[in-house]
N, C-alpha and C. Protein backbone atom coordinates (compact mmCIF):
# COMPACT_ATOMS: atom_id res chain seq x y z
N UNK A 1 87.12 107.71 75.31
CA UNK A 1 87.05 107.85 76.76
C UNK A 1 87.25 106.48 77.41
N UNK A 2 87.98 106.48 78.49
CA UNK A 2 88.27 105.25 79.20
C UNK A 2 87.08 104.83 80.07
N UNK A 3 86.78 103.55 80.04
CA UNK A 3 85.73 102.99 80.89
C UNK A 3 86.34 102.62 82.24
N UNK A 4 85.68 103.02 83.33
CA UNK A 4 86.14 102.69 84.68
C UNK A 4 85.05 101.90 85.38
N UNK A 5 85.43 100.73 85.92
CA UNK A 5 84.50 99.89 86.67
C UNK A 5 85.06 99.72 88.07
N UNK A 6 84.20 99.92 89.07
CA UNK A 6 84.60 99.75 90.46
C UNK A 6 83.65 98.76 91.10
N UNK A 7 84.21 97.69 91.66
CA UNK A 7 83.37 96.71 92.36
C UNK A 7 82.62 97.42 93.48
N UNK A 8 81.41 97.02 93.75
CA UNK A 8 80.54 97.73 94.69
C UNK A 8 81.05 97.74 96.12
N UNK A 9 81.91 96.81 96.50
CA UNK A 9 82.36 96.77 97.90
C UNK A 9 83.64 97.57 98.15
N UNK A 10 84.05 98.39 97.20
CA UNK A 10 85.29 99.16 97.38
C UNK A 10 85.12 100.32 98.36
N UNK A 11 83.89 100.73 98.63
CA UNK A 11 83.67 101.81 99.58
C UNK A 11 83.90 103.18 98.96
N UNK A 12 83.71 104.21 99.78
CA UNK A 12 83.89 105.56 99.25
C UNK A 12 84.49 106.50 100.28
N UNK A 13 85.41 106.02 101.11
CA UNK A 13 86.09 106.88 102.06
C UNK A 13 87.01 107.83 101.29
N UNK A 14 87.47 108.91 101.91
CA UNK A 14 88.36 109.84 101.20
C UNK A 14 89.62 109.17 100.64
N UNK A 15 90.25 108.26 101.39
CA UNK A 15 91.46 107.61 100.87
C UNK A 15 91.14 106.64 99.74
N UNK A 16 90.00 105.96 99.81
CA UNK A 16 89.60 105.08 98.71
C UNK A 16 89.40 105.93 97.45
N UNK A 17 88.73 107.05 97.57
CA UNK A 17 88.52 107.95 96.43
C UNK A 17 89.85 108.47 95.90
N UNK A 18 90.76 108.79 96.80
CA UNK A 18 92.09 109.27 96.41
C UNK A 18 92.82 108.21 95.58
N UNK A 19 92.84 106.97 96.07
CA UNK A 19 93.50 105.88 95.36
C UNK A 19 92.84 105.65 93.99
N UNK A 20 91.53 105.72 93.97
CA UNK A 20 90.82 105.56 92.70
C UNK A 20 91.25 106.66 91.72
N UNK A 21 91.29 107.90 92.18
CA UNK A 21 91.65 109.03 91.30
C UNK A 21 93.07 108.94 90.78
N UNK A 22 94.03 108.53 91.62
CA UNK A 22 95.40 108.46 91.12
C UNK A 22 95.59 107.31 90.14
N UNK A 23 94.88 106.20 90.35
CA UNK A 23 94.95 105.11 89.38
C UNK A 23 94.31 105.49 88.06
N UNK A 24 93.23 106.22 88.11
CA UNK A 24 92.59 106.70 86.88
C UNK A 24 93.53 107.66 86.16
N UNK A 25 94.16 108.56 86.91
CA UNK A 25 95.11 109.51 86.31
C UNK A 25 96.25 108.75 85.63
N UNK A 26 96.78 107.72 86.29
CA UNK A 26 97.85 106.91 85.71
C UNK A 26 97.38 106.26 84.41
N UNK A 27 96.21 105.63 84.44
CA UNK A 27 95.69 104.92 83.27
C UNK A 27 95.39 105.86 82.11
N UNK A 28 95.09 107.14 82.41
CA UNK A 28 94.80 108.12 81.37
C UNK A 28 96.03 108.92 80.95
N UNK A 29 97.18 108.63 81.56
CA UNK A 29 98.40 109.34 81.20
C UNK A 29 98.49 110.73 81.79
N UNK A 30 97.74 111.01 82.85
CA UNK A 30 97.76 112.32 83.50
C UNK A 30 98.86 112.34 84.57
N UNK A 31 100.10 112.44 84.11
CA UNK A 31 101.23 112.38 85.04
C UNK A 31 101.27 113.58 85.98
N UNK A 32 100.86 114.75 85.53
CA UNK A 32 100.88 115.94 86.38
C UNK A 32 100.01 115.75 87.63
N UNK A 33 98.82 115.18 87.44
CA UNK A 33 97.92 114.93 88.57
C UNK A 33 98.59 114.02 89.59
N UNK A 34 99.19 112.93 89.09
CA UNK A 34 99.80 111.94 89.97
C UNK A 34 101.03 112.52 90.69
N UNK A 35 101.91 113.19 89.94
CA UNK A 35 103.14 113.74 90.51
C UNK A 35 102.84 114.76 91.61
N UNK A 36 101.78 115.50 91.47
CA UNK A 36 101.42 116.51 92.48
C UNK A 36 100.98 115.88 93.79
N UNK A 37 100.75 114.59 93.80
CA UNK A 37 100.21 113.92 94.99
C UNK A 37 101.19 112.94 95.64
N UNK A 38 102.49 113.12 95.35
CA UNK A 38 103.52 112.29 95.98
C UNK A 38 104.51 113.19 96.72
N UNK A 39 105.20 112.61 97.70
CA UNK A 39 106.22 113.36 98.44
C UNK A 39 107.47 113.53 97.57
N UNK A 40 108.33 114.45 97.96
CA UNK A 40 109.57 114.68 97.22
C UNK A 40 110.48 113.46 97.23
N UNK A 41 110.39 112.65 98.28
CA UNK A 41 111.25 111.46 98.39
C UNK A 41 110.48 110.17 98.11
N UNK A 42 109.53 110.24 97.19
CA UNK A 42 108.74 109.07 96.79
C UNK A 42 109.64 107.91 96.39
N UNK A 43 109.23 106.71 96.75
CA UNK A 43 109.89 105.49 96.30
C UNK A 43 108.82 104.64 95.63
N UNK A 44 109.11 104.20 94.39
CA UNK A 44 108.18 103.36 93.64
C UNK A 44 108.91 102.09 93.25
N UNK A 45 108.52 100.99 93.88
CA UNK A 45 109.09 99.68 93.54
C UNK A 45 108.19 99.00 92.54
N UNK A 46 108.70 98.81 91.33
CA UNK A 46 108.01 98.02 90.31
C UNK A 46 108.65 96.64 90.42
N UNK A 47 108.04 95.78 91.19
CA UNK A 47 108.62 94.50 91.57
C UNK A 47 109.01 93.69 90.33
N UNK A 48 110.27 93.24 90.33
CA UNK A 48 110.79 92.46 89.22
C UNK A 48 111.28 93.31 88.06
N UNK A 49 111.17 94.65 88.17
CA UNK A 49 111.58 95.52 87.07
C UNK A 49 112.58 96.57 87.53
N UNK A 50 112.12 97.53 88.33
CA UNK A 50 113.02 98.60 88.77
C UNK A 50 112.46 99.31 89.99
N UNK A 51 113.31 100.16 90.55
CA UNK A 51 112.97 100.98 91.71
C UNK A 51 113.23 102.43 91.34
N UNK A 52 112.22 103.27 91.50
CA UNK A 52 112.33 104.69 91.20
C UNK A 52 112.36 105.43 92.52
N UNK A 53 113.33 106.34 92.66
CA UNK A 53 113.46 107.10 93.90
C UNK A 53 113.51 108.59 93.61
N UNK A 54 112.69 109.36 94.31
CA UNK A 54 112.67 110.81 94.17
C UNK A 54 111.60 111.28 93.20
N UNK A 55 111.08 112.47 93.47
CA UNK A 55 109.98 113.01 92.69
C UNK A 55 110.37 113.27 91.23
N UNK A 56 111.60 113.74 90.99
CA UNK A 56 112.03 114.00 89.61
C UNK A 56 112.07 112.72 88.78
N UNK A 57 112.64 111.66 89.36
CA UNK A 57 112.72 110.38 88.65
C UNK A 57 111.33 109.78 88.45
N UNK A 58 110.48 109.94 89.46
CA UNK A 58 109.09 109.49 89.37
C UNK A 58 108.38 110.19 88.21
N UNK A 59 108.54 111.51 88.13
CA UNK A 59 107.90 112.29 87.07
C UNK A 59 108.41 111.88 85.69
N UNK A 60 109.72 111.65 85.56
CA UNK A 60 110.29 111.22 84.27
C UNK A 60 109.73 109.86 83.86
N UNK A 61 109.63 108.95 84.83
CA UNK A 61 109.10 107.61 84.53
C UNK A 61 107.65 107.68 84.08
N UNK A 62 106.82 108.44 84.79
CA UNK A 62 105.42 108.57 84.39
C UNK A 62 105.30 109.24 83.02
N UNK A 63 106.13 110.24 82.78
CA UNK A 63 106.10 110.94 81.49
C UNK A 63 106.39 109.97 80.35
N UNK A 64 107.33 109.05 80.57
CA UNK A 64 107.69 108.08 79.52
C UNK A 64 106.60 107.04 79.29
N UNK A 65 105.69 106.88 80.26
CA UNK A 65 104.63 105.87 80.16
C UNK A 65 103.31 106.44 79.65
N UNK A 66 103.19 107.75 79.57
CA UNK A 66 101.88 108.35 79.34
C UNK A 66 101.38 108.28 77.91
N UNK A 67 102.20 107.84 76.98
CA UNK A 67 101.77 107.75 75.58
C UNK A 67 100.67 106.71 75.36
N UNK A 68 100.72 105.63 76.13
CA UNK A 68 99.73 104.57 75.97
C UNK A 68 98.67 104.73 77.05
N UNK A 69 97.47 105.06 76.62
CA UNK A 69 96.35 105.30 77.54
C UNK A 69 95.46 104.07 77.55
N UNK A 70 95.08 103.62 78.72
CA UNK A 70 94.22 102.44 78.85
C UNK A 70 92.83 102.73 78.28
N UNK A 71 92.20 101.68 77.78
CA UNK A 71 90.82 101.80 77.30
C UNK A 71 89.83 101.46 78.40
N UNK A 72 90.29 100.67 79.39
CA UNK A 72 89.41 100.28 80.49
C UNK A 72 90.23 100.01 81.74
N UNK A 73 89.68 100.43 82.88
CA UNK A 73 90.29 100.19 84.17
C UNK A 73 89.24 99.58 85.07
N UNK A 74 89.53 98.37 85.56
CA UNK A 74 88.60 97.66 86.44
C UNK A 74 89.24 97.52 87.81
N UNK A 75 88.62 98.11 88.82
CA UNK A 75 89.08 97.96 90.19
C UNK A 75 88.34 96.79 90.82
N UNK A 76 89.09 95.81 91.31
CA UNK A 76 88.48 94.70 92.02
C UNK A 76 88.37 95.00 93.50
N UNK A 77 89.41 95.57 94.07
CA UNK A 77 89.42 95.95 95.48
C UNK A 77 90.23 97.23 95.66
N UNK A 78 89.76 98.07 96.57
CA UNK A 78 90.52 99.22 97.05
C UNK A 78 90.36 99.20 98.57
N UNK A 79 91.48 99.12 99.27
CA UNK A 79 91.45 99.02 100.73
C UNK A 79 92.34 100.10 101.33
N UNK A 80 91.95 100.62 102.49
CA UNK A 80 92.80 101.55 103.21
C UNK A 80 92.74 101.25 104.71
N UNK A 81 93.84 101.57 105.37
CA UNK A 81 93.89 101.46 106.83
C UNK A 81 95.01 102.37 107.31
N UNK A 82 94.62 103.41 108.04
CA UNK A 82 95.56 104.38 108.58
C UNK A 82 96.45 104.95 107.48
N UNK A 83 97.76 104.70 107.55
CA UNK A 83 98.66 105.31 106.56
C UNK A 83 98.97 104.39 105.38
N UNK A 84 98.15 103.36 105.19
CA UNK A 84 98.38 102.41 104.10
C UNK A 84 97.12 102.26 103.24
N UNK A 85 97.34 101.88 101.99
CA UNK A 85 96.23 101.61 101.09
C UNK A 85 96.67 100.62 100.03
N UNK A 86 95.71 100.05 99.33
CA UNK A 86 96.01 99.09 98.28
C UNK A 86 94.88 99.07 97.27
N UNK A 87 95.24 98.77 96.03
CA UNK A 87 94.25 98.62 94.97
C UNK A 87 94.71 97.49 94.06
N UNK A 88 93.74 96.74 93.56
CA UNK A 88 94.08 95.75 92.54
C UNK A 88 92.97 95.71 91.51
N UNK A 89 93.34 95.22 90.33
CA UNK A 89 92.38 95.15 89.25
C UNK A 89 93.06 94.80 87.95
N UNK A 90 92.44 95.26 86.86
CA UNK A 90 92.94 94.98 85.52
C UNK A 90 92.87 96.26 84.69
N UNK A 91 93.93 96.51 83.94
CA UNK A 91 93.97 97.63 83.02
C UNK A 91 94.04 97.06 81.61
N UNK A 92 93.07 97.46 80.77
CA UNK A 92 93.01 96.99 79.39
C UNK A 92 93.53 98.08 78.46
N UNK A 93 94.33 97.65 77.48
CA UNK A 93 95.03 98.58 76.60
C UNK A 93 94.43 98.58 75.19
N UNK A 94 94.72 99.62 74.39
CA UNK A 94 94.16 99.73 73.04
C UNK A 94 94.51 98.57 72.11
N UNK A 95 95.66 97.94 72.33
CA UNK A 95 96.08 96.83 71.46
C UNK A 95 95.45 95.49 71.84
N UNK A 96 94.55 95.50 72.85
CA UNK A 96 93.89 94.27 73.28
C UNK A 96 94.59 93.57 74.44
N UNK A 97 95.78 94.03 74.79
CA UNK A 97 96.47 93.43 75.93
C UNK A 97 95.82 93.90 77.23
N UNK A 98 96.08 93.16 78.29
CA UNK A 98 95.53 93.50 79.60
C UNK A 98 96.56 93.18 80.67
N UNK A 99 96.57 93.98 81.71
CA UNK A 99 97.52 93.82 82.80
C UNK A 99 96.79 93.78 84.12
N UNK A 100 97.03 92.73 84.89
CA UNK A 100 96.52 92.66 86.26
C UNK A 100 97.53 93.41 87.13
N UNK A 101 97.01 94.17 88.08
CA UNK A 101 97.90 94.95 88.94
C UNK A 101 97.46 94.87 90.39
N UNK A 102 98.44 95.01 91.26
CA UNK A 102 98.22 95.22 92.69
C UNK A 102 99.19 96.29 93.12
N UNK A 103 98.68 97.38 93.65
CA UNK A 103 99.50 98.49 94.10
C UNK A 103 99.28 98.68 95.59
N UNK A 104 100.37 98.83 96.31
CA UNK A 104 100.34 99.06 97.75
C UNK A 104 100.94 100.44 98.02
N UNK A 105 100.23 101.24 98.80
CA UNK A 105 100.61 102.64 99.04
C UNK A 105 100.90 102.88 100.51
N UNK A 106 101.89 103.73 100.75
CA UNK A 106 102.16 104.24 102.09
C UNK A 106 102.03 105.76 102.00
N UNK A 107 101.24 106.33 102.88
CA UNK A 107 100.98 107.76 102.87
C UNK A 107 101.79 108.49 103.93
N UNK A 108 102.15 109.70 103.62
CA UNK A 108 102.69 110.64 104.60
C UNK A 108 101.80 111.86 104.51
N UNK A 109 100.95 112.02 105.51
CA UNK A 109 99.96 113.09 105.46
C UNK A 109 98.98 112.83 104.33
N UNK A 110 98.83 113.79 103.44
CA UNK A 110 97.89 113.65 102.32
C UNK A 110 98.58 113.25 101.02
N UNK A 111 99.85 112.88 101.11
CA UNK A 111 100.60 112.50 99.90
C UNK A 111 101.11 111.07 100.00
N UNK A 112 101.47 110.53 98.86
CA UNK A 112 102.00 109.16 98.79
C UNK A 112 103.50 109.19 98.99
N UNK A 113 103.98 108.38 99.91
CA UNK A 113 105.41 108.28 100.22
C UNK A 113 106.06 107.08 99.52
N UNK A 114 105.31 105.99 99.38
CA UNK A 114 105.88 104.78 98.76
C UNK A 114 104.78 104.01 98.04
N UNK A 115 105.17 103.44 96.89
CA UNK A 115 104.27 102.57 96.11
C UNK A 115 105.04 101.30 95.80
N UNK A 116 104.40 100.16 96.01
CA UNK A 116 104.94 98.88 95.57
C UNK A 116 103.94 98.32 94.59
N UNK A 117 104.38 98.08 93.35
CA UNK A 117 103.49 97.63 92.27
C UNK A 117 103.88 96.26 91.76
N UNK A 118 102.87 95.41 91.63
CA UNK A 118 103.00 94.11 91.00
C UNK A 118 102.14 94.15 89.74
N UNK A 119 102.73 93.87 88.59
CA UNK A 119 102.01 93.95 87.33
C UNK A 119 102.30 92.69 86.52
N UNK A 120 101.23 92.05 86.03
CA UNK A 120 101.38 90.83 85.24
C UNK A 120 100.52 90.95 83.99
N UNK A 121 101.13 90.70 82.84
CA UNK A 121 100.37 90.69 81.59
C UNK A 121 99.48 89.45 81.57
N UNK A 122 98.17 89.65 81.37
CA UNK A 122 97.23 88.53 81.39
C UNK A 122 96.54 88.30 80.04
N UNK A 123 96.71 89.20 79.12
CA UNK A 123 96.14 89.01 77.78
C UNK A 123 96.95 89.79 76.76
């Protein structure tokens, strides 16, 4: 089972909880949960790597990533304001590697319209 740590000042508004749940789903390889919560014209910018456009491409990308499940997910900050949100923290992997991440979200209604992700290997 994956360990999840959330800094105490992250709050518990509905959007904060939503961002927490989708990041947990990603870290656990639950692509179906994540795909169900994005718009059909989702854009995901993985800065320095690639840009994914459209729900089908998004689903294929998540499906290809779901084999490796994180052992720990640490949220340092989760912030929301109107139609935007952000989360940052560290994801630890079974092989001992760790990745620092910052994800920025744009919402359309109750779904995610755009994600910009910065990911750096730190261990």
